[in-house]
């Protein structure tokens, strides 16, 4: 259950996000995630009361072929491997904030998914270094459930296990309509059992660019016996976007924008969490306050018995 108050207007969104992971033998895996929601928001234009809209769609539906320890072949609709937020932080039971970063649409082709094929895996993996990669091609599709643009790109990341530090770069080339290049960089630092973790991304497109930085804080270490204090998780995110030329297709703000997000989350046992946040957005088009809350419950179960 998500609520968002943006500039004084409050929206209520009950949402269900089912996920399926179905192994077919030792080398094939079917993965899918869907979103089912209703959105209740003010009618606007001075009219009293609320109106609503419904949405049902797939985030991805893909078949993975586990070729070997260094390569997985993916076919179908998959999350576009640009940056880190799209693949790692969009699940509602993981993200610290209810809203995506302002730069989310840069490089992910707005929808966040692609339809085609992808190769991904670990090129090098030792005790001191790990290098992973992902390369893809997406076809143009106007299907309501499998909508995508013709594009190609990939991502590579270097991970240092001892420091738990990751540095990566992404590239995307739009191959239809107005051809455009998108470049991304990311830096994550998540020390083992540390009180502070840091994530960041930068994305650059033809008409705009921007970045976000996020830190989460833990009041106690994971091994602390005080489970009440261990559940609290303050989070801070700073974002900036810069508009170089007008473009309504990239979904970024029409003017340079600064935004500070402050959140206080609580993680209960048994996969329950509460997210709360306050954001202040500054732009020449107007400043605004944004309040958001989310109550999330995650549960898992086997769909059939294993042999």
C-alpha atoms as a PDB file:
ATOM      1  CA  UNK A   1       0.000   0.000   0.000  1.00  0.00           C
ATOM      2  CA  UNK A   2       1.587   3.277  -1.154  1.00  0.00           C
ATOM      3  CA  UNK A   3       0.524   6.879  -0.549  1.00  0.00           C
ATOM      4  CA  UNK A   4       2.106   9.917  -2.192  1.00  0.00           C
ATOM      5  CA  UNK A   5       1.356  13.593  -1.497  1.00  0.00           C
ATOM      6  CA  UNK A   6       2.881  15.727  -4.243  1.00  0.00           C
ATOM      7  CA  UNK A   7       2.301  19.465  -4.112  1.00  0.00           C
ATOM      8  CA  UNK A   8      -0.691  18.952  -1.817  1.00  0.00           C
ATOM      9  CA  UNK A   9      -2.414  16.248  -3.919  1.00  0.00           C
ATOM     10  CA  UNK A  10      -2.518  12.774  -2.369  1.00  0.00           C
ATOM     11  CA  UNK A  11      -2.637   9.531  -4.362  1.00  0.00           C
ATOM     12  CA  UNK A  12      -3.380   6.094  -2.862  1.00  0.00           C
ATOM     13  CA  UNK A  13      -2.003   2.999  -4.624  1.00  0.00           C
ATOM     14  CA  UNK A  14      -2.689  -0.569  -3.483  1.00  0.00           C
ATOM     15  CA  UNK A  15      -0.332  -2.792  -5.502  1.00  0.00           C
ATOM     16  CA  UNK A  16       0.491  -6.490  -5.876  1.00  0.00           C
ATOM     17  CA  UNK A  17       3.734  -7.554  -7.553  1.00  0.00           C
ATOM     18  CA  UNK A  18       3.848 -11.342  -8.097  1.00  0.00           C
ATOM     19  CA  UNK A  19       7.131 -12.933  -9.117  1.00  0.00           C
ATOM     20  CA  UNK A  20       7.744 -16.359 -10.659  1.00  0.00           C
ATOM     21  CA  UNK A  21      11.005 -18.310 -10.837  1.00  0.00           C
ATOM     22  CA  UNK A  22      10.449 -21.725 -12.446  1.00  0.00           C
ATOM     23  CA  UNK A  23      13.430 -23.997 -13.165  1.00  0.00           C
ATOM     24  CA  UNK A  24      13.001 -26.420 -16.070  1.00  0.00           C
ATOM     25  CA  UNK A  25      15.746 -28.954 -15.533  1.00  0.00           C
ATOM     26  CA  UNK A  26      19.309 -27.945 -14.748  1.00  0.00           C
ATOM     27  CA  UNK A  27      19.875 -25.377 -17.504  1.00  0.00           C
ATOM     28  CA  UNK A  28      16.571 -23.559 -18.108  1.00  0.00           C
ATOM     29  CA  UNK A  29      14.875 -21.019 -15.867  1.00  0.00           C
ATOM     30  CA  UNK A  30      11.689 -19.045 -16.540  1.00  0.00           C
ATOM     31  CA  UNK A  31      11.461 -15.722 -14.700  1.00  0.00           C
ATOM     32  CA  UNK A  32       8.644 -13.195 -14.605  1.00  0.00           C
ATOM     33  CA  UNK A  33       7.368 -10.279 -12.541  1.00  0.00           C
ATOM     34  CA  UNK A  34       4.042  -8.511 -12.903  1.00  0.00           C
ATOM     35  CA  UNK A  35       2.446  -5.395 -11.453  1.00  0.00           C
ATOM     36  CA  UNK A  36      -1.235  -5.159 -10.540  1.00  0.00           C
ATOM     37  CA  UNK A  37      -2.419  -1.870  -9.062  1.00  0.00           C
ATOM     38  CA  UNK A  38      -5.234   0.617  -8.625  1.00  0.00           C
ATOM     39  CA  UNK A  39      -4.466   4.308  -8.342  1.00  0.00           C
ATOM     40  CA  UNK A  40      -6.861   6.668  -6.545  1.00  0.00           C
ATOM     41  CA  UNK A  41      -6.126  10.372  -7.084  1.00  0.00           C
ATOM     42  CA  UNK A  42      -7.949  13.761  -6.904  1.00  0.00           C
ATOM     43  CA  UNK A  43     -10.150  14.615  -9.884  1.00  0.00           C
ATOM     44  CA  UNK A  44      -8.479  17.999 -10.362  1.00  0.00           C
ATOM     45  CA  UNK A  45      -9.810  21.216 -11.962  1.00  0.00           C
ATOM     46  CA  UNK A  46     -11.441  22.116  -8.665  1.00  0.00           C
ATOM     47  CA  UNK A  47     -13.738  19.060  -8.701  1.00  0.00           C
ATOM     48  CA  UNK A  48     -14.313  17.352  -5.337  1.00  0.00           C
ATOM     49  CA  UNK A  49     -13.626  13.673  -4.765  1.00  0.00           C
ATOM     50  CA  UNK A  50     -11.330  11.085  -6.277  1.00  0.00           C
ATOM     51  CA  UNK A  51     -11.107   9.101  -9.489  1.00  0.00           C
ATOM     52  CA  UNK A  52      -9.178   5.909 -10.143  1.00  0.00           C
ATOM     53  CA  UNK A  53      -7.306   3.991 -12.796  1.00  0.00           C
ATOM     54  CA  UNK A  54      -6.103   0.388 -12.950  1.00  0.00           C
ATOM     55  CA  UNK A  55      -2.945  -1.124 -14.379  1.00  0.00           C
ATOM     56  CA  UNK A  56      -1.914  -4.703 -15.122  1.00  0.00           C
ATOM     57  CA  UNK A  57       1.363  -5.404 -16.842  1.00  0.00           C
ATOM     58  CA  UNK A  58       4.513  -7.513 -16.933  1.00  0.00           C
ATOM     59  CA  UNK A  59       7.838  -6.048 -15.901  1.00  0.00           C
ATOM     60  CA  UNK A  60       9.570  -8.962 -17.614  1.00  0.00           C
ATOM     61  CA  UNK A  61       8.993 -12.491 -18.887  1.00  0.00           C
ATOM     62  CA  UNK A  62      12.198 -14.227 -19.869  1.00  0.00           C
ATOM     63  CA  UNK A  63      13.736 -17.636 -20.499  1.00  0.00           C
ATOM     64  CA  UNK A  64      17.275 -18.108 -19.204  1.00  0.00           C
ATOM     65  CA  UNK A  65      19.614 -20.756 -20.566  1.00  0.00           C
ATOM     66  CA  UNK A  66      22.465 -21.354 -18.118  1.00  0.00           C
ATOM     67  CA  UNK A  67      25.132 -22.222 -20.678  1.00  0.00           C
ATOM     68  CA  UNK A  68      28.074 -22.415 -18.248  1.00  0.00           C
ATOM     69  CA  UNK A  69      29.541 -20.677 -15.210  1.00  0.00           C
ATOM     70  CA  UNK A  70      30.455 -17.632 -17.324  1.00  0.00           C
ATOM     71  CA  UNK A  71      27.429 -17.149 -19.564  1.00  0.00           C
ATOM     72  CA  UNK A  72      23.640 -17.067 -19.422  1.00  0.00           C
ATOM     73  CA  UNK A  73      21.590 -16.639 -22.594  1.00  0.00           C
ATOM     74  CA  UNK A  74      18.344 -14.680 -22.106  1.00  0.00           C
ATOM     75  CA  UNK A  75      15.402 -14.413 -24.500  1.00  0.00           C
ATOM     76  CA  UNK A  76      12.050 -12.646 -24.148  1.00  0.00           C
ATOM     77  CA  UNK A  77      11.177  -9.468 -22.272  1.00  0.00           C
ATOM     78  CA  UNK A  78      13.883  -8.528 -19.759  1.00  0.00           C
ATOM     79  CA  UNK A  79      14.841  -5.534 -17.642  1.00  0.00           C
ATOM     80  CA  UNK A  80      17.159  -3.286 -19.657  1.00  0.00           C
ATOM     81  CA  UNK A  81      20.676  -3.652 -18.180  1.00  0.00           C
ATOM     82  CA  UNK A  82      21.483   0.048 -17.871  1.00  0.00           C
ATOM     83  CA  UNK A  83      22.776   1.304 -14.535  1.00  0.00           C
ATOM     84  CA  UNK A  84      21.760  -0.520 -11.371  1.00  0.00           C
ATOM     85  CA  UNK A  85      18.414   0.830 -10.200  1.00  0.00           C
ATOM     86  CA  UNK A  86      16.313  -0.863 -12.881  1.00  0.00           C
ATOM     87  CA  UNK A  87      17.452  -4.428 -12.160  1.00  0.00           C
ATOM     88  CA  UNK A  88      18.284  -4.248  -8.450  1.00  0.00           C
ATOM     89  CA  UNK A  89      16.081  -1.688  -6.709  1.00  0.00           C
ATOM     90  CA  UNK A  90      12.723  -1.603  -8.527  1.00  0.00           C
ATOM     91  CA  UNK A  91      11.110  -4.497  -6.574  1.00  0.00           C
ATOM     92  CA  UNK A  92       8.754  -2.928  -4.044  1.00  0.00           C
ATOM     93  CA  UNK A  93      10.112  -5.133  -1.228  1.00  0.00           C
ATOM     94  CA  UNK A  94      13.697  -3.887  -1.763  1.00  0.00           C
ATOM     95  CA  UNK A  95      13.710  -0.162  -2.607  1.00  0.00           C
ATOM     96  CA  UNK A  96      14.234   2.318   0.237  1.00  0.00           C
ATOM     97  CA  UNK A  97      12.108   5.002  -1.453  1.00  0.00           C
ATOM     98  CA  UNK A  98       8.724   4.598  -3.104  1.00  0.00           C
ATOM     99  CA  UNK A  99       9.700   6.785  -6.068  1.00  0.00           C
ATOM    100  CA  UNK A 100      12.402   6.023  -8.619  1.00  0.00           C
ATOM    101  CA  UNK A 101      15.263   8.490  -9.204  1.00  0.00           C
ATOM    102  CA  UNK A 102      14.546  11.348 -11.597  1.00  0.00           C
ATOM    103  CA  UNK A 103      17.090   9.934 -14.075  1.00  0.00           C
ATOM    104  CA  UNK A 104      15.510   6.463 -14.166  1.00  0.00           C
ATOM    105  CA  UNK A 105      14.242   6.753 -17.755  1.00  0.00           C
ATOM    106  CA  UNK A 106      17.641   7.729 -19.202  1.00  0.00           C
ATOM    107  CA  UNK A 107      19.051   4.629 -20.882  1.00  0.00           C
ATOM    108  CA  UNK A 108      16.209   2.320 -19.862  1.00  0.00           C
ATOM    109  CA  UNK A 109      14.008   3.395 -22.788  1.00  0.00           C
ATOM    110  CA  UNK A 110      11.328   4.772 -20.407  1.00  0.00           C
ATOM    111  CA  UNK A 111       9.532   1.449 -19.949  1.00  0.00           C
ATOM    112  CA  UNK A 112      12.537  -0.156 -18.239  1.00  0.00           C
ATOM    113  CA  UNK A 113      12.275  -3.342 -20.314  1.00  0.00           C
ATOM    114  CA  UNK A 114      13.462  -4.630 -23.684  1.00  0.00           C
ATOM    115  CA  UNK A 115      12.223  -7.405 -25.960  1.00  0.00           C
ATOM    116  CA  UNK A 116      14.901  -9.492 -27.662  1.00  0.00           C
ATOM    117  CA  UNK A 117      18.022 -11.324 -26.550  1.00  0.00           C
ATOM    118  CA  UNK A 118      20.782 -10.825 -24.006  1.00  0.00           C
ATOM    119  CA  UNK A 119      24.079 -12.430 -23.014  1.00  0.00           C
ATOM    120  CA  UNK A 120      25.243 -11.925 -19.438  1.00  0.00           C
ATOM    121  CA  UNK A 121      27.486 -13.521 -16.885  1.00  0.00           C
ATOM    122  CA  UNK A 122      30.765 -13.387 -15.014  1.00  0.00           C
ATOM    123  CA  UNK A 123      33.816 -12.899 -17.204  1.00  0.00           C
ATOM    124  CA  UNK A 124      36.317 -13.206 -14.354  1.00  0.00           C
ATOM    125  CA  UNK A 125      35.726 -14.273 -10.762  1.00  0.00           C
ATOM    126  CA  UNK A 126      38.418 -14.739  -8.106  1.00  0.00           C
ATOM    127  CA  UNK A 127      38.698 -14.109  -4.378  1.00  0.00           C
ATOM    128  CA  UNK A 128      40.016 -10.612  -5.014  1.00  0.00           C
ATOM    129  CA  UNK A 129      38.222  -9.432  -8.160  1.00  0.00           C
ATOM    130  CA  UNK A 130      35.050 -10.043 -10.148  1.00  0.00           C
ATOM    131  CA  UNK A 131      34.087  -8.716 -13.569  1.00  0.00           C
ATOM    132  CA  UNK A 132      30.530  -9.168 -14.838  1.00  0.00           C
ATOM    133  CA  UNK A 133      28.966  -8.160 -18.135  1.00  0.00           C
ATOM    134  CA  UNK A 134      25.619  -7.895 -19.932  1.00  0.00           C
ATOM    135  CA  UNK A 135      25.030  -7.182 -23.625  1.00  0.00           C
ATOM    136  CA  UNK A 136      21.654  -7.071 -25.379  1.00  0.00           C
ATOM    137  CA  UNK A 137      19.680  -6.258 -28.495  1.00  0.00           C
ATOM    138  CA  UNK A 138      16.047  -5.146 -28.366  1.00  0.00           C
ATOM    139  CA  UNK A 139      13.557  -5.186 -31.235  1.00  0.00           C
ATOM    140  CA  UNK A 140      10.851  -2.584 -31.776  1.00  0.00           C
ATOM    141  CA  UNK A 141       7.496  -3.775 -30.452  1.00  0.00           C
ATOM    142  CA  UNK A 142       4.187  -1.967 -30.086  1.00  0.00           C
ATOM    143  CA  UNK A 143       2.418  -4.849 -28.356  1.00  0.00           C
ATOM    144  CA  UNK A 144       0.536  -3.602 -25.302  1.00  0.00           C
ATOM    145  CA  UNK A 145       2.176  -6.101 -22.950  1.00  0.00           C
ATOM    146  CA  UNK A 146       5.569  -6.326 -24.667  1.00  0.00           C
ATOM    147  CA  UNK A 147       6.293  -2.749 -25.669  1.00  0.00           C
ATOM    148  CA  UNK A 148       9.886  -1.850 -26.488  1.00  0.00           C
ATOM    149  CA  UNK A 149      12.094   0.280 -28.698  1.00  0.00           C
ATOM    150  CA  UNK A 150      14.780  -0.913 -31.077  1.00  0.00           C
ATOM    151  CA  UNK A 151      18.052  -0.501 -29.233  1.00  0.00           C
ATOM    152  CA  UNK A 152      21.299  -2.185 -28.269  1.00  0.00           C
ATOM    153  CA  UNK A 153      23.718  -1.784 -25.399  1.00  0.00           C
ATOM    154  CA  UNK A 154      25.235  -3.328 -22.341  1.00  0.00           C
ATOM    155  CA  UNK A 155      26.876  -2.916 -18.980  1.00  0.00           C
ATOM    156  CA  UNK A 156      30.164  -3.981 -17.385  1.00  0.00           C
ATOM    157  CA  UNK A 157      31.056  -3.816 -13.697  1.00  0.00           C
ATOM    158  CA  UNK A 158      34.170  -4.428 -11.631  1.00  0.00           C
ATOM    159  CA  UNK A 159      33.608  -5.709  -8.094  1.00  0.00           C
ATOM    160  CA  UNK A 160      36.192  -5.959  -5.311  1.00  0.00           C
ATOM    161  CA  UNK A 161      34.858  -8.538  -2.797  1.00  0.00           C
ATOM    162  CA  UNK A 162      37.150  -7.615   0.097  1.00  0.00           C
ATOM    163  CA  UNK A 163      36.209  -3.933  -0.029  1.00  0.00           C
ATOM    164  CA  UNK A 164      32.666  -4.701  -1.256  1.00  0.00           C
ATOM    165  CA  UNK A 165      33.155  -1.924  -3.790  1.00  0.00           C
ATOM    166  CA  UNK A 166      31.607  -1.949  -7.279  1.00  0.00           C
ATOM    167  CA  UNK A 167      32.332   0.368 -10.206  1.00  0.00           C
ATOM    168  CA  UNK A 168      30.507   0.004 -13.514  1.00  0.00           C
ATOM    169  CA  UNK A 169      29.598   1.621 -16.813  1.00  0.00           C
ATOM    170  CA  UNK A 170      26.585   1.284 -19.121  1.00  0.00           C
ATOM    171  CA  UNK A 171      25.874   2.155 -22.741  1.00  0.00           C
ATOM    172  CA  UNK A 172      22.653   2.254 -24.733  1.00  0.00           C
ATOM    173  CA  UNK A 173      22.065   3.129 -28.396  1.00  0.00           C
ATOM    174  CA  UNK A 174      18.510   3.879 -29.527  1.00  0.00           C
ATOM    175  CA  UNK A 175      18.130   2.578 -33.085  1.00  0.00           C
ATOM    176  CA  UNK A 176      14.706   3.892 -34.081  1.00  0.00           C
ATOM    177  CA  UNK A 177      13.142   7.298 -34.676  1.00  0.00           C
ATOM    178  CA  UNK A 178      15.754   9.796 -33.492  1.00  0.00           C
ATOM    179  CA  UNK A 179      18.923   7.786 -32.829  1.00  0.00           C
ATOM    180  CA  UNK A 180      20.473   8.654 -29.473  1.00  0.00           C
ATOM    181  CA  UNK A 181      23.330   7.501 -27.265  1.00  0.00           C
ATOM    182  CA  UNK A 182      23.024   7.062 -23.494  1.00  0.00           C
ATOM    183  CA  UNK A 183      25.970   6.629 -21.141  1.00  0.00           C
ATOM    184  CA  UNK A 184      25.833   5.631 -17.485  1.00  0.00           C
ATOM    185  CA  UNK A 185      28.240   5.180 -14.563  1.00  0.00           C
ATOM    186  CA  UNK A 186      27.611   3.702 -11.132  1.00  0.00           C
ATOM    187  CA  UNK A 187      29.466   3.306  -7.843  1.00  0.00           C
ATOM    188  CA  UNK A 188      28.308   1.127  -4.938  1.00  0.00           C
ATOM    189  CA  UNK A 189      30.066   0.641  -1.606  1.00  0.00           C
ATOM    190  CA  UNK A 190      28.441  -1.766   0.847  1.00  0.00           C
ATOM    191  CA  UNK A 191      30.942  -2.866   3.520  1.00  0.00           C
ATOM    192  CA  UNK A 192      30.106  -6.087   5.346  1.00  0.00           C
ATOM    193  CA  UNK A 193      28.191  -5.475   8.584  1.00  0.00           C
ATOM    194  CA  UNK A 194      28.817  -1.714   8.317  1.00  0.00           C
ATOM    195  CA  UNK A 195      26.532   0.996   9.689  1.00  0.00           C
ATOM    196  CA  UNK A 196      26.580   2.957   6.406  1.00  0.00           C
ATOM    197  CA  UNK A 197      26.081   1.867   2.781  1.00  0.00           C
ATOM    198  CA  UNK A 198      26.385   4.036  -0.318  1.00  0.00           C
ATOM    199  CA  UNK A 199      24.951   3.780  -3.851  1.00  0.00           C
ATOM    200  CA  UNK A 200      25.135   6.197  -6.765  1.00  0.00           C
ATOM    201  CA  UNK A 201      24.452   6.512 -10.497  1.00  0.00           C
ATOM    202  CA  UNK A 202      25.087   9.002 -13.261  1.00  0.00           C
ATOM    203  CA  UNK A 203      23.309   9.007 -16.639  1.00  0.00           C
ATOM    204  CA  UNK A 204      23.826  11.162 -19.722  1.00  0.00           C
ATOM    205  CA  UNK A 205      21.495  11.488 -22.712  1.00  0.00           C
ATOM    206  CA  UNK A 206      21.340  13.727 -25.757  1.00  0.00           C
ATOM    207  CA  UNK A 207      19.002  16.274 -24.132  1.00  0.00           C
ATOM    208  CA  UNK A 208      19.573  15.842 -20.388  1.00  0.00           C
ATOM    209  CA  UNK A 209      21.813  14.340 -17.743  1.00  0.00           C
ATOM    210  CA  UNK A 210      21.737  13.778 -14.024  1.00  0.00           C
ATOM    211  CA  UNK A 211      22.813  11.745 -11.039  1.00  0.00           C
ATOM    212  CA  UNK A 212      21.608  10.409  -7.714  1.00  0.00           C
ATOM    213  CA  UNK A 213      23.430   9.418  -4.518  1.00  0.00           C
ATOM    214  CA  UNK A 214      21.857   7.382  -1.741  1.00  0.00           C
ATOM    215  CA  UNK A 215      23.085   6.411   1.713  1.00  0.00           C
ATOM    216  CA  UNK A 216      21.345   4.114   4.166  1.00  0.00           C
ATOM    217  CA  UNK A 217      22.239   4.027   7.839  1.00  0.00           C
ATOM    218  CA  UNK A 218      21.861   1.266  10.412  1.00  0.00           C
ATOM    219  CA  UNK A 219      21.597   2.100  14.101  1.00  0.00           C
ATOM    220  CA  UNK A 220      23.123  -1.224  15.120  1.00  0.00           C
ATOM    221  CA  UNK A 221      25.063  -3.965  13.391  1.00  0.00           C
ATOM    222  CA  UNK A 222      23.303  -7.039  12.037  1.00  0.00           C
ATOM    223  CA  UNK A 223      24.665  -9.172  14.890  1.00  0.00           C
ATOM    224  CA  UNK A 224      23.278  -6.868  17.602  1.00  0.00           C
ATOM    225  CA  UNK A 225      20.762  -8.538  19.879  1.00  0.00           C
ATOM    226  CA  UNK A 226      18.521  -5.466  20.032  1.00  0.00           C
ATOM    227  CA  UNK A 227      16.114  -6.396  17.257  1.00  0.00           C
ATOM    228  CA  UNK A 228      13.974  -3.264  17.770  1.00  0.00           C
ATOM    229  CA  UNK A 229      16.786  -0.814  17.038  1.00  0.00           C
ATOM    230  CA  UNK A 230      18.122  -3.054  14.279  1.00  0.00           C
ATOM    231  CA  UNK A 231      14.889  -2.561  12.356  1.00  0.00           C
ATOM    232  CA  UNK A 232      15.294   1.219  11.928  1.00  0.00           C
ATOM    233  CA  UNK A 233      16.932   2.352   8.696  1.00  0.00           C
ATOM    234  CA  UNK A 234      17.330   6.095   7.993  1.00  0.00           C
ATOM    235  CA  UNK A 235      18.040   6.845   4.327  1.00  0.00           C
ATOM    236  CA  UNK A 236      19.091   9.961   2.414  1.00  0.00           C
ATOM    237  CA  UNK A 237      19.123  10.552  -1.343  1.00  0.00           C
ATOM    238  CA  UNK A 238      20.321  13.601  -3.271  1.00  0.00           C
ATOM    239  CA  UNK A 239      19.447  14.089  -6.934  1.00  0.00           C
ATOM    240  CA  UNK A 240      20.173  16.605  -9.671  1.00  0.00           C
ATOM    241  CA  UNK A 241      19.086  16.743 -13.311  1.00  0.00           C
ATOM    242  CA  UNK A 242      20.324  19.167 -15.964  1.00  0.00           C
ATOM    243  CA  UNK A 243      18.342  20.006 -19.105  1.00  0.00           C
ATOM    244  CA  UNK A 244      20.466  20.859 -22.182  1.00  0.00           C
ATOM    245  CA  UNK A 245      17.622  21.059 -24.715  1.00  0.00           C
ATOM    246  CA  UNK A 246      13.840  20.499 -24.761  1.00  0.00           C
ATOM    247  CA  UNK A 247      12.679  16.884 -25.098  1.00  0.00           C
ATOM    248  CA  UNK A 248       9.430  15.414 -23.815  1.00  0.00           C
ATOM    249  CA  UNK A 249      10.356  11.803 -24.613  1.00  0.00           C
ATOM    250  CA  UNK A 250      13.057  11.286 -21.953  1.00  0.00           C
ATOM    251  CA  UNK A 251      10.583  11.939 -19.080  1.00  0.00           C
ATOM    252  CA  UNK A 252      13.048  14.071 -17.127  1.00  0.00           C
ATOM    253  CA  UNK A 253      11.999  17.457 -15.664  1.00  0.00           C
ATOM    254  CA  UNK A 254      11.723  20.237 -18.241  1.00  0.00           C
ATOM    255  CA  UNK A 255      14.123  22.433 -16.232  1.00  0.00           C
ATOM    256  CA  UNK A 256      17.209  21.905 -14.082  1.00  0.00           C
ATOM    257  CA  UNK A 257      16.034  20.271 -10.865  1.00  0.00           C
ATOM    258  CA  UNK A 258      17.502  19.615  -7.418  1.00  0.00           C
ATOM    259  CA  UNK A 259      15.829  17.194  -5.037  1.00  0.00           C
ATOM    260  CA  UNK A 260      16.614  15.984  -1.525  1.00  0.00           C
ATOM    261  CA  UNK A 261      14.894  12.842  -0.181  1.00  0.00           C
ATOM    262  CA  UNK A 262      14.879  11.937   3.505  1.00  0.00           C
ATOM    263  CA  UNK A 263      13.450   8.612   4.614  1.00  0.00           C
ATOM    264  CA  UNK A 264      12.964   6.559   7.750  1.00  0.00           C
ATOM    265  CA  UNK A 265      12.208   2.898   7.079  1.00  0.00           C
ATOM    266  CA  UNK A 266      11.496   0.124   9.553  1.00  0.00           C
ATOM    267  CA  UNK A 267      12.135  -3.522   8.739  1.00  0.00           C
ATOM    268  CA  UNK A 268       9.980  -5.878  10.774  1.00  0.00           C
ATOM    269  CA  UNK A 269      10.668  -9.613  11.008  1.00  0.00           C
ATOM    270  CA  UNK A 270       8.849 -11.917   8.582  1.00  0.00           C
ATOM    271  CA  UNK A 271       9.423  -9.759   5.473  1.00  0.00           C
ATOM    272  CA  UNK A 272       7.344  -6.722   6.519  1.00  0.00           C
ATOM    273  CA  UNK A 273       8.634  -3.169   6.074  1.00  0.00           C
ATOM    274  CA  UNK A 274       7.363   0.389   6.385  1.00  0.00           C
ATOM    275  CA  UNK A 275       8.863   3.112   4.189  1.00  0.00           C
ATOM    276  CA  UNK A 276       8.321   6.798   4.967  1.00  0.00           C
ATOM    277  CA  UNK A 277       9.961   9.739   3.219  1.00  0.00           C
ATOM    278  CA  UNK A 278       9.879  13.494   2.776  1.00  0.00           C
ATOM    279  CA  UNK A 279      11.289  15.169  -0.354  1.00  0.00           C
ATOM    280  CA  UNK A 280      11.897  18.788  -1.232  1.00  0.00           C
ATOM    281  CA  UNK A 281      12.229  19.556  -4.939  1.00  0.00           C
ATOM    282  CA  UNK A 282      13.720  22.804  -6.250  1.00  0.00           C
ATOM    283  CA  UNK A 283      13.300  23.967  -9.873  1.00  0.00           C
ATOM    284  CA  UNK A 284      12.628  27.145 -11.830  1.00  0.00           C
ATOM    285  CA  UNK A 285       9.213  25.718 -12.708  1.00  0.00           C
ATOM    286  CA  UNK A 286       8.301  25.679  -9.000  1.00  0.00           C
ATOM    287  CA  UNK A 287       9.332  24.181  -5.672  1.00  0.00           C
ATOM    288  CA  UNK A 288       7.290  21.436  -4.069  1.00  0.00           C
ATOM    289  CA  UNK A 289       7.069  19.088  -1.091  1.00  0.00           C
ATOM    290  CA  UNK A 290       6.551  15.362  -1.594  1.00  0.00           C
ATOM    291  CA  UNK A 291       5.477  13.004   1.199  1.00  0.00           C
ATOM    292  CA  UNK A 292       5.393   9.245   0.625  1.00  0.00           C
ATOM    293  CA  UNK A 293       4.658   6.160   2.700  1.00  0.00           C
ATOM    294  CA  UNK A 294       4.609   2.470   1.883  1.00  0.00           C
ATOM    295  CA  UNK A 295       3.588  -0.666   3.758  1.00  0.00           C
ATOM    296  CA  UNK A 296       5.084  -3.771   2.146  1.00  0.00           C
ATOM    297  CA  UNK A 297       4.601  -7.450   2.946  1.00  0.00           C
ATOM    298  CA  UNK A 298       6.612 -10.064   1.083  1.00  0.00           C
ATOM    299  CA  UNK A 299       5.882 -13.776   1.169  1.00  0.00           C
ATOM    300  CA  UNK A 300       7.301 -16.745  -0.728  1.00  0.00           C
ATOM    301  CA  UNK A 301       6.101 -20.287  -1.268  1.00  0.00           C
ATOM    302  CA  UNK A 302       6.882 -23.220  -3.582  1.00  0.00           C
ATOM    303  CA  UNK A 303       4.399 -23.555  -6.425  1.00  0.00           C
ATOM    304  CA  UNK A 304       4.991 -27.291  -6.637  1.00  0.00           C
ATOM    305  CA  UNK A 305       6.920 -29.961  -4.799  1.00  0.00           C
ATOM    306  CA  UNK A 306      10.432 -30.799  -5.885  1.00  0.00           C
ATOM    307  CA  UNK A 307      11.404 -34.393  -6.581  1.00  0.00           C
END
